[in-house]
Amino acid sequence: MNMYGFETRRLLKGLLTWSAVVTLLLVLFMAFFPSMAESGLADLSKYKLDALPPAVLEAFGLSVTTDLSDLLQYYAYIAQYILMAAAIYALILGTSALIKEESEGTIEFLYARPVSRLEITTNKLLSIVTILWAFNLVTLAASVLLLHTFRDPGYEYLPLTLTMFSGMLAAQMVFLTVGFALSTVLSRYSNPVTVGLGLFFVTYLLGAIAAVNEQLEWLKYLSPFHYVQPTSILANEVTIEQVYLHIMLLTTITAILFAYWRYRRKDLLI
């Protein structure tokens, strides 16, 4: 039985749905760019933003230097909402990966086949990683096409776009693997979508609080979303700060190892 192929095909419908929705959002957002660049709306929005404290702007992925009449800066502002959707999708993929076998009753079928728990865990992990990377490739392709369509002649956008996407993908891998680890401890009656949404918004709010309260600045380390905000990456022209990179790498590896350890010892309900 090719479990990897079966799991990947099972997730294709969700991949197509999420890819279509995110692509449509990108098209709708980017369609406003010509008006933003030519009608003076960007100057008006900048004037309004300058009245807000820098900490508040940072919490919402903006800065005092954000120029929405610039194509890449406008796209980076949009990309933070795409990152939100992608992070939630990654969490849903992760939290539903192993719990589905119990909630849908298919674990009994797997038990009747010559497969070990190690094989189940590995194939599940590979399938959700494949789907997440495919989602990012679709989103990147749509983004590049739209940026190419709206750019001025000679405007360079590809290197920084790839830099932004590399950071966004790193954060999504954290959410995916943390969700995967959670799927080994959740009960069969848990709702992966609710768990995924709840976990994302808790970490998002922690990052937002850290941005506006200096005494709680340490909370930013609990918010992978705020590690890789596209506007920050674009402003610094670097992928990820080293400390964030190390935290994400360590979290990803730890979550995967925990998932293997916990699933091997879990009492599965048949």
C-alpha atoms as a PDB file:
ATOM      1  CA  MET A   1       0.000   0.000   0.000  1.00  0.00           C
ATOM      2  CA  ASN A   2       1.415   3.382  -1.051  1.00  0.00           C
ATOM      3  CA  MET A   3       0.322   5.368   1.997  1.00  0.00           C
ATOM      4  CA  TYR A   4       2.190   8.509   0.942  1.00  0.00           C
ATOM      5  CA  GLY A   5       0.426   8.624  -2.417  1.00  0.00           C
ATOM      6  CA  PHE A   6      -2.957   7.902  -0.851  1.00  0.00           C
ATOM      7  CA  GLU A   7      -2.558  10.622   1.786  1.00  0.00           C
ATOM      8  CA  THR A   8      -1.318  13.178  -0.730  1.00  0.00           C
ATOM      9  CA  ARG A   9      -4.238  12.502  -3.086  1.00  0.00           C
ATOM     10  CA  ARG A  10      -6.659  12.749  -0.166  1.00  0.00           C
ATOM     11  CA  LEU A  11      -5.368  16.247   0.590  1.00  0.00           C
ATOM     12  CA  LEU A  12      -5.490  17.498  -3.006  1.00  0.00           C
ATOM     13  CA  LYS A  13      -9.050  18.817  -2.772  1.00  0.00           C
ATOM     14  CA  GLY A  14      -8.125  21.001   0.188  1.00  0.00           C
ATOM     15  CA  LEU A  15      -4.975  22.148  -1.616  1.00  0.00           C
ATOM     16  CA  LEU A  16      -6.951  23.215  -4.675  1.00  0.00           C
ATOM     17  CA  THR A  17      -9.524  25.034  -2.549  1.00  0.00           C
ATOM     18  CA  TRP A  18      -6.982  26.945  -0.447  1.00  0.00           C
ATOM     19  CA  SER A  19      -4.844  27.748  -3.498  1.00  0.00           C
ATOM     20  CA  ALA A  20      -7.841  29.059  -5.431  1.00  0.00           C
ATOM     21  CA  VAL A  21      -9.041  31.241  -2.538  1.00  0.00           C
ATOM     22  CA  VAL A  22      -5.599  32.712  -1.814  1.00  0.00           C
ATOM     23  CA  THR A  23      -4.925  33.334  -5.516  1.00  0.00           C
ATOM     24  CA  LEU A  24      -8.269  35.097  -5.855  1.00  0.00           C
ATOM     25  CA  LEU A  25      -7.454  37.279  -2.848  1.00  0.00           C
ATOM     26  CA  LEU A  26      -4.089  38.158  -4.379  1.00  0.00           C
ATOM     27  CA  VAL A  27      -5.742  39.148  -7.653  1.00  0.00           C
ATOM     28  CA  LEU A  28      -8.338  41.298  -5.884  1.00  0.00           C
ATOM     29  CA  PHE A  29      -5.765  43.037  -3.675  1.00  0.00           C
ATOM     30  CA  MET A  30      -3.319  43.655  -6.520  1.00  0.00           C
ATOM     31  CA  ALA A  31      -6.091  45.047  -8.713  1.00  0.00           C
ATOM     32  CA  PHE A  32      -6.199  48.042  -6.360  1.00  0.00           C
ATOM     33  CA  PHE A  33      -2.506  48.834  -6.792  1.00  0.00           C
ATOM     34  CA  PRO A  34      -2.789  51.110  -9.878  1.00  0.00           C
ATOM     35  CA  SER A  35      -5.335  53.262  -8.028  1.00  0.00           C
ATOM     36  CA  MET A  36      -3.159  53.302  -4.927  1.00  0.00           C
ATOM     37  CA  ALA A  37      -0.108  54.356  -6.921  1.00  0.00           C
ATOM     38  CA  GLU A  38      -1.733  57.012  -9.119  1.00  0.00           C
ATOM     39  CA  SER A  39      -4.647  58.589  -7.236  1.00  0.00           C
ATOM     40  CA  GLY A  40      -2.832  59.849  -4.162  1.00  0.00           C
ATOM     41  CA  LEU A  41      -4.389  57.246  -1.874  1.00  0.00           C
ATOM     42  CA  ALA A  42      -0.929  56.089  -0.852  1.00  0.00           C
ATOM     43  CA  ASP A  43      -0.010  59.627   0.335  1.00  0.00           C
ATOM     44  CA  LEU A  44      -3.284  59.879   2.227  1.00  0.00           C
ATOM     45  CA  SER A  45      -2.797  56.496   3.900  1.00  0.00           C
ATOM     46  CA  LYS A  46       0.792  57.404   4.820  1.00  0.00           C
ATOM     47  CA  TYR A  47      -0.418  60.636   6.391  1.00  0.00           C
ATOM     48  CA  LYS A  48      -2.929  58.701   8.484  1.00  0.00           C
ATOM     49  CA  LEU A  49      -0.363  56.051   9.428  1.00  0.00           C
ATOM     50  CA  ASP A  50       2.165  58.661  10.555  1.00  0.00           C
ATOM     51  CA  ALA A  51      -0.309  59.677  13.260  1.00  0.00           C
ATOM     52  CA  LEU A  52      -0.118  56.227  14.863  1.00  0.00           C
ATOM     53  CA  PRO A  53       2.607  55.162  17.325  1.00  0.00           C
ATOM     54  CA  PRO A  54       5.416  53.092  15.708  1.00  0.00           C
ATOM     55  CA  ALA A  55       4.683  50.167  18.064  1.00  0.00           C
ATOM     56  CA  VAL A  56       1.091  49.979  16.847  1.00  0.00           C
ATOM     57  CA  LEU A  57       2.220  50.080  13.222  1.00  0.00           C
ATOM     58  CA  GLU A  58       4.707  47.284  13.902  1.00  0.00           C
ATOM     59  CA  ALA A  59       1.986  45.152  15.484  1.00  0.00           C
ATOM     60  CA  PHE A  60       0.021  45.361  12.249  1.00  0.00           C
ATOM     61  CA  GLY A  61       2.963  44.742   9.948  1.00  0.00           C
ATOM     62  CA  LEU A  62       3.562  48.365   8.982  1.00  0.00           C
ATOM     63  CA  SER A  63       6.218  50.962   9.639  1.00  0.00           C
ATOM     64  CA  VAL A  64       6.564  54.699   9.379  1.00  0.00           C
ATOM     65  CA  THR A  65       8.487  54.211   6.140  1.00  0.00           C
ATOM     66  CA  THR A  66       5.884  52.013   4.392  1.00  0.00           C
ATOM     67  CA  ASP A  67       5.133  53.418   0.939  1.00  0.00           C
ATOM     68  CA  LEU A  68       2.042  51.783  -0.514  1.00  0.00           C
ATOM     69  CA  SER A  69       2.680  53.395  -3.906  1.00  0.00           C
ATOM     70  CA  ASP A  70       5.765  51.163  -4.280  1.00  0.00           C
ATOM     71  CA  LEU A  71       4.880  47.804  -5.825  1.00  0.00           C
ATOM     72  CA  LEU A  72       6.962  45.577  -3.529  1.00  0.00           C
ATOM     73  CA  GLN A  73       6.005  47.446  -0.359  1.00  0.00           C
ATOM     74  CA  TYR A  74       2.351  47.236  -1.329  1.00  0.00           C
ATOM     75  CA  TYR A  75       2.727  43.521  -2.038  1.00  0.00           C
ATOM     76  CA  ALA A  76       4.563  42.963   1.267  1.00  0.00           C
ATOM     77  CA  TYR A  77       1.637  44.535   3.105  1.00  0.00           C
ATOM     78  CA  ILE A  78      -0.748  42.171   1.304  1.00  0.00           C
ATOM     79  CA  ALA A  79       1.555  39.187   1.851  1.00  0.00           C
ATOM     80  CA  GLN A  80       1.167  39.353   5.620  1.00  0.00           C
ATOM     81  CA  TYR A  81      -2.502  38.412   5.201  1.00  0.00           C
ATOM     82  CA  ILE A  82      -1.512  35.632   2.812  1.00  0.00           C
ATOM     83  CA  LEU A  83       0.907  34.464   5.499  1.00  0.00           C
ATOM     84  CA  MET A  84      -1.952  34.392   8.008  1.00  0.00           C
ATOM     85  CA  ALA A  85      -3.994  32.145   5.721  1.00  0.00           C
ATOM     86  CA  ALA A  86      -0.984  29.942   4.975  1.00  0.00           C
ATOM     87  CA  ALA A  87      -0.121  29.564   8.676  1.00  0.00           C
ATOM     88  CA  ILE A  88      -3.701  28.554   9.503  1.00  0.00           C
ATOM     89  CA  TYR A  89      -3.687  26.075   6.610  1.00  0.00           C
ATOM     90  CA  ALA A  90      -0.398  24.628   7.851  1.00  0.00           C
ATOM     91  CA  LEU A  91      -1.814  24.197  11.347  1.00  0.00           C
ATOM     92  CA  ILE A  92      -4.947  22.493  10.030  1.00  0.00           C
ATOM     93  CA  LEU A  93      -2.827  20.126   7.930  1.00  0.00           C
ATOM     94  CA  GLY A  94      -0.669  19.308  10.928  1.00  0.00           C
ATOM     95  CA  THR A  95      -3.352  18.905  13.596  1.00  0.00           C
ATOM     96  CA  SER A  96      -5.529  16.704  11.384  1.00  0.00           C
ATOM     97  CA  ALA A  97      -2.715  14.471  10.081  1.00  0.00           C
ATOM     98  CA  LEU A  98      -2.696  11.707  12.691  1.00  0.00           C
ATOM     99  CA  ILE A  99      -5.943  12.274  14.542  1.00  0.00           C
ATOM    100  CA  LYS A 100      -8.045  11.594  11.439  1.00  0.00           C
ATOM    101  CA  GLU A 101      -7.282   7.875  11.575  1.00  0.00           C
ATOM    102  CA  GLU A 102      -9.026   7.617  14.938  1.00  0.00           C
ATOM    103  CA  SER A 103     -11.850  10.088  14.303  1.00  0.00           C
ATOM    104  CA  GLU A 104     -12.714   8.505  10.939  1.00  0.00           C
ATOM    105  CA  GLY A 105     -12.153   4.914  12.076  1.00  0.00           C
ATOM    106  CA  THR A 106      -9.490   4.118   9.454  1.00  0.00           C
ATOM    107  CA  ILE A 107      -6.885   3.161  12.051  1.00  0.00           C
ATOM    108  CA  GLU A 108      -8.468  -0.299  12.217  1.00  0.00           C
ATOM    109  CA  PHE A 109      -7.809  -0.731   8.500  1.00  0.00           C
ATOM    110  CA  LEU A 110      -4.187   0.367   8.925  1.00  0.00           C
ATOM    111  CA  TYR A 111      -3.737  -2.056  11.791  1.00  0.00           C
ATOM    112  CA  ALA A 112      -4.798  -4.866   9.481  1.00  0.00           C
ATOM    113  CA  ARG A 113      -2.025  -3.951   7.038  1.00  0.00           C
ATOM    114  CA  PRO A 114       1.703  -4.731   7.426  1.00  0.00           C
ATOM    115  CA  VAL A 115       2.672  -1.163   8.382  1.00  0.00           C
ATOM    116  CA  SER A 116       4.328   0.107  11.554  1.00  0.00           C
ATOM    117  CA  ARG A 117       3.565   3.268  13.468  1.00  0.00           C
ATOM    118  CA  LEU A 118       6.915   4.614  12.273  1.00  0.00           C
ATOM    119  CA  GLU A 119       5.784   4.184   8.657  1.00  0.00           C
ATOM    120  CA  ILE A 120       2.417   5.785   9.377  1.00  0.00           C
ATOM    121  CA  THR A 121       4.038   8.820  11.008  1.00  0.00           C
ATOM    122  CA  THR A 122       6.647   9.217   8.273  1.00  0.00           C
ATOM    123  CA  ASN A 123       4.193   8.957   5.388  1.00  0.00           C
ATOM    124  CA  LYS A 124       1.737  11.324   7.031  1.00  0.00           C
ATOM    125  CA  LEU A 125       4.481  13.886   7.635  1.00  0.00           C
ATOM    126  CA  LEU A 126       5.830  13.638   4.101  1.00  0.00           C
ATOM    127  CA  SER A 127       2.362  14.040   2.606  1.00  0.00           C
ATOM    128  CA  ILE A 128       1.480  17.207   4.539  1.00  0.00           C
ATOM    129  CA  VAL A 129       4.911  18.721   3.848  1.00  0.00           C
ATOM    130  CA  THR A 130       4.399  18.003   0.128  1.00  0.00           C
ATOM    131  CA  ILE A 131       0.981  19.654   0.167  1.00  0.00           C
ATOM    132  CA  LEU A 132       2.253  22.716   2.035  1.00  0.00           C
ATOM    133  CA  TRP A 133       5.165  23.176  -0.374  1.00  0.00           C
ATOM    134  CA  ALA A 134       2.816  22.765  -3.346  1.00  0.00           C
ATOM    135  CA  PHE A 135       0.543  25.445  -1.871  1.00  0.00           C
ATOM    136  CA  ASN A 136       3.498  27.804  -1.539  1.00  0.00           C
ATOM    137  CA  LEU A 137       4.658  27.120  -5.098  1.00  0.00           C
ATOM    138  CA  VAL A 138       1.188  27.979  -6.417  1.00  0.00           C
ATOM    139  CA  THR A 139       1.054  31.138  -4.304  1.00  0.00           C
ATOM    140  CA  LEU A 140       4.570  32.152  -5.366  1.00  0.00           C
ATOM    141  CA  ALA A 141       3.764  31.592  -9.048  1.00  0.00           C
ATOM    142  CA  ALA A 142       0.594  33.694  -8.755  1.00  0.00           C
ATOM    143  CA  SER A 143       2.496  36.431  -6.909  1.00  0.00           C
ATOM    144  CA  VAL A 144       5.311  36.584  -9.467  1.00  0.00           C
ATOM    145  CA  LEU A 145       2.815  36.727 -12.331  1.00  0.00           C
ATOM    146  CA  LEU A 146       0.882  39.573 -10.703  1.00  0.00           C
ATOM    147  CA  LEU A 147       4.027  41.502  -9.771  1.00  0.00           C
ATOM    148  CA  HIS A 148       5.296  41.133 -13.333  1.00  0.00           C
ATOM    149  CA  THR A 149       1.956  42.397 -14.647  1.00  0.00           C
ATOM    150  CA  PHE A 150       1.889  45.544 -12.492  1.00  0.00           C
ATOM    151  CA  ARG A 151       5.596  46.414 -12.477  1.00  0.00           C
ATOM    152  CA  ASP A 152       7.120  49.337 -14.319  1.00  0.00           C
ATOM    153  CA  PRO A 153       9.732  48.498 -16.976  1.00  0.00           C
ATOM    154  CA  GLY A 154      13.030  47.650 -15.318  1.00  0.00           C
ATOM    155  CA  TYR A 155      11.524  47.306 -11.834  1.00  0.00           C
ATOM    156  CA  GLU A 156      13.354  44.503  -9.979  1.00  0.00           C
ATOM    157  CA  TYR A 157      11.123  42.437  -7.733  1.00  0.00           C
ATOM    158  CA  LEU A 158      12.064  38.753  -7.952  1.00  0.00           C
ATOM    159  CA  PRO A 159      15.016  38.479  -5.470  1.00  0.00           C
ATOM    160  CA  LEU A 160      13.169  40.203  -2.629  1.00  0.00           C
ATOM    161  CA  THR A 161       9.974  38.287  -3.397  1.00  0.00           C
ATOM    162  CA  LEU A 162      11.862  35.005  -3.069  1.00  0.00           C
ATOM    163  CA  THR A 163      13.408  36.278   0.168  1.00  0.00           C
ATOM    164  CA  MET A 164       9.980  37.044   1.596  1.00  0.00           C
ATOM    165  CA  PHE A 165       8.623  33.644   0.581  1.00  0.00           C
ATOM    166  CA  SER A 166      11.561  31.767   2.089  1.00  0.00           C
ATOM    167  CA  GLY A 167      10.845  33.405   5.436  1.00  0.00           C
ATOM    168  CA  MET A 168       7.115  32.780   5.162  1.00  0.00           C
ATOM    169  CA  LEU A 169       7.683  29.119   4.351  1.00  0.00           C
ATOM    170  CA  ALA A 170       9.994  28.716   7.352  1.00  0.00           C
ATOM    171  CA  ALA A 171       7.260  30.008   9.674  1.00  0.00           C
ATOM    172  CA  GLN A 172       4.679  27.748   8.043  1.00  0.00           C
ATOM    173  CA  MET A 173       6.906  24.741   8.670  1.00  0.00           C
ATOM    174  CA  VAL A 174       6.930  25.636  12.368  1.00  0.00           C
ATOM    175  CA  PHE A 175       3.129  25.799  12.458  1.00  0.00           C
ATOM    176  CA  LEU A 176       2.857  22.577  10.440  1.00  0.00           C
ATOM    177  CA  THR A 177       5.159  20.545  12.686  1.00  0.00           C
ATOM    178  CA  VAL A 178       3.744  21.963  15.926  1.00  0.00           C
ATOM    179  CA  GLY A 179       0.289  21.005  14.658  1.00  0.00           C
ATOM    180  CA  PHE A 180       1.637  17.584  13.732  1.00  0.00           C
ATOM    181  CA  ALA A 181       2.933  17.130  17.278  1.00  0.00           C
ATOM    182  CA  LEU A 182      -0.421  18.230  18.681  1.00  0.00           C
ATOM    183  CA  SER A 183      -2.215  15.647  16.541  1.00  0.00           C
ATOM    184  CA  THR A 184      -0.557  12.919  18.618  1.00  0.00           C
ATOM    185  CA  VAL A 185      -2.016  14.207  21.902  1.00  0.00           C
ATOM    186  CA  LEU A 186      -5.479  15.414  20.858  1.00  0.00           C
ATOM    187  CA  SER A 187      -8.459  13.184  21.483  1.00  0.00           C
ATOM    188  CA  ARG A 188     -10.404  11.647  18.626  1.00  0.00           C
ATOM    189  CA  TYR A 189     -13.256  14.092  19.294  1.00  0.00           C
ATOM    190  CA  SER A 190     -11.109  17.207  18.861  1.00  0.00           C
ATOM    191  CA  ASN A 191     -11.762  19.511  15.914  1.00  0.00           C
ATOM    192  CA  PRO A 192      -8.443  20.127  14.066  1.00  0.00           C
ATOM    193  CA  VAL A 193      -9.770  23.296  12.427  1.00  0.00           C
ATOM    194  CA  THR A 194     -10.780  24.851  15.754  1.00  0.00           C
ATOM    195  CA  VAL A 195      -7.479  23.860  17.354  1.00  0.00           C
ATOM    196  CA  GLY A 196      -5.495  25.260  14.430  1.00  0.00           C
ATOM    197  CA  LEU A 197      -7.371  28.570  14.375  1.00  0.00           C
ATOM    198  CA  GLY A 198      -7.117  28.940  18.132  1.00  0.00           C
ATOM    199  CA  LEU A 199      -3.382  28.253  18.242  1.00  0.00           C
ATOM    200  CA  PHE A 200      -2.627  30.670  15.421  1.00  0.00           C
ATOM    201  CA  PHE A 201      -4.570  33.581  16.872  1.00  0.00           C
ATOM    202  CA  VAL A 202      -3.113  33.040  20.340  1.00  0.00           C
ATOM    203  CA  THR A 203       0.434  33.231  18.953  1.00  0.00           C
ATOM    204  CA  TYR A 204      -0.520  36.188  16.731  1.00  0.00           C
ATOM    205  CA  LEU A 205      -1.925  38.134  19.685  1.00  0.00           C
ATOM    206  CA  LEU A 206       1.177  37.379  21.745  1.00  0.00           C
ATOM    207  CA  GLY A 207       3.325  38.913  19.006  1.00  0.00           C
ATOM    208  CA  ALA A 208       1.052  41.943  18.739  1.00  0.00           C
ATOM    209  CA  ILE A 209       1.176  42.488  22.523  1.00  0.00           C
ATOM    210  CA  ALA A 210       4.971  42.238  22.461  1.00  0.00           C
ATOM    211  CA  ALA A 211       5.106  44.968  19.811  1.00  0.00           C
ATOM    212  CA  VAL A 212       3.117  47.500  21.860  1.00  0.00           C
ATOM    213  CA  ASN A 213       4.381  46.684  25.364  1.00  0.00           C
ATOM    214  CA  GLU A 214       8.121  46.869  26.008  1.00  0.00           C
ATOM    215  CA  GLN A 215       7.800  45.000  29.301  1.00  0.00           C
ATOM    216  CA  LEU A 216       6.291  42.044  27.469  1.00  0.00           C
ATOM    217  CA  GLU A 217       8.622  42.190  24.483  1.00  0.00           C
ATOM    218  CA  TRP A 218       9.809  38.638  25.215  1.00  0.00           C
ATOM    219  CA  LEU A 219       6.416  37.352  24.043  1.00  0.00           C
ATOM    220  CA  LYS A 220       7.545  37.917  20.449  1.00  0.00           C
ATOM    221  CA  TYR A 221       9.591  34.724  20.715  1.00  0.00           C
ATOM    222  CA  LEU A 222       6.303  32.794  20.991  1.00  0.00           C
ATOM    223  CA  SER A 223       4.962  34.190  17.699  1.00  0.00           C
ATOM    224  CA  PRO A 224       6.562  32.699  14.547  1.00  0.00           C
ATOM    225  CA  PHE A 225       4.259  34.872  12.457  1.00  0.00           C
ATOM    226  CA  HIS A 226       6.038  37.995  13.692  1.00  0.00           C
ATOM    227  CA  TYR A 227       9.475  36.512  12.978  1.00  0.00           C
ATOM    228  CA  VAL A 228       8.929  36.720   9.240  1.00  0.00           C
ATOM    229  CA  GLN A 229       6.528  39.549   8.542  1.00  0.00           C
ATOM    230  CA  PRO A 230       7.057  40.382   4.846  1.00  0.00           C
ATOM    231  CA  THR A 231       7.222  44.135   5.476  1.00  0.00           C
ATOM    232  CA  SER A 232      10.070  43.658   7.961  1.00  0.00           C
ATOM    233  CA  ILE A 233      11.952  41.310   5.652  1.00  0.00           C
ATOM    234  CA  LEU A 234      11.566  43.763   2.790  1.00  0.00           C
ATOM    235  CA  ALA A 235      12.779  46.675   4.908  1.00  0.00           C
ATOM    236  CA  ASN A 236      15.866  44.792   6.136  1.00  0.00           C
ATOM    237  CA  GLU A 237      16.485  42.867   2.879  1.00  0.00           C
ATOM    238  CA  VAL A 238      17.377  39.768   4.918  1.00  0.00           C
ATOM    239  CA  THR A 239      15.494  36.498   5.181  1.00  0.00           C
ATOM    240  CA  ILE A 240      15.276  35.973   8.944  1.00  0.00           C
ATOM    241  CA  GLU A 241      17.202  37.259  11.938  1.00  0.00           C
ATOM    242  CA  GLN A 242      19.588  34.573  13.166  1.00  0.00           C
ATOM    243  CA  VAL A 243      17.942  34.210  16.564  1.00  0.00           C
ATOM    244  CA  TYR A 244      14.549  33.643  14.939  1.00  0.00           C
ATOM    245  CA  LEU A 245      16.038  31.209  12.461  1.00  0.00           C
ATOM    246  CA  HIS A 246      17.548  29.160  15.286  1.00  0.00           C
ATOM    247  CA  ILE A 247      14.292  29.166  17.265  1.00  0.00           C
ATOM    248  CA  MET A 248      12.254  28.036  14.246  1.00  0.00           C
ATOM    249  CA  LEU A 249      14.724  25.311  13.317  1.00  0.00           C
ATOM    250  CA  LEU A 250      14.859  24.015  16.891  1.00  0.00           C
ATOM    251  CA  THR A 251      11.066  24.137  17.251  1.00  0.00           C
ATOM    252  CA  THR A 252      10.526  22.288  13.970  1.00  0.00           C
ATOM    253  CA  ILE A 253      12.974  19.502  14.830  1.00  0.00           C
ATOM    254  CA  THR A 254      11.680  19.180  18.404  1.00  0.00           C
ATOM    255  CA  ALA A 255       8.050  18.995  17.261  1.00  0.00           C
ATOM    256  CA  ILE A 256       8.856  16.260  14.734  1.00  0.00           C
ATOM    257  CA  LEU A 257      10.814  14.210  17.253  1.00  0.00           C
ATOM    258  CA  PHE A 258       8.039  14.584  19.834  1.00  0.00           C
ATOM    259  CA  ALA A 259       5.432  13.459  17.296  1.00  0.00           C
ATOM    260  CA  TYR A 260       7.389  10.267  16.534  1.00  0.00           C
ATOM    261  CA  TRP A 261       7.960   9.573  20.232  1.00  0.00           C
ATOM    262  CA  ARG A 262       4.363  10.239  21.302  1.00  0.00           C
ATOM    263  CA  TYR A 263       2.628   8.408  18.460  1.00  0.00           C
ATOM    264  CA  ARG A 264       4.712   5.309  19.061  1.00  0.00           C
ATOM    265  CA  ARG A 265       3.417   5.171  22.640  1.00  0.00           C
ATOM    266  CA  LYS A 266      -0.117   6.418  22.105  1.00  0.00           C
ATOM    267  CA  ASP A 267      -3.082   4.194  22.923  1.00  0.00           C
ATOM    268  CA  LEU A 268      -5.074   4.223  19.701  1.00  0.00           C
ATOM    269  CA  LEU A 269      -8.844   3.790  19.909  1.00  0.00           C
ATOM    270  CA  ILE A 270     -10.098   1.266  17.380  1.00  0.00           C
END
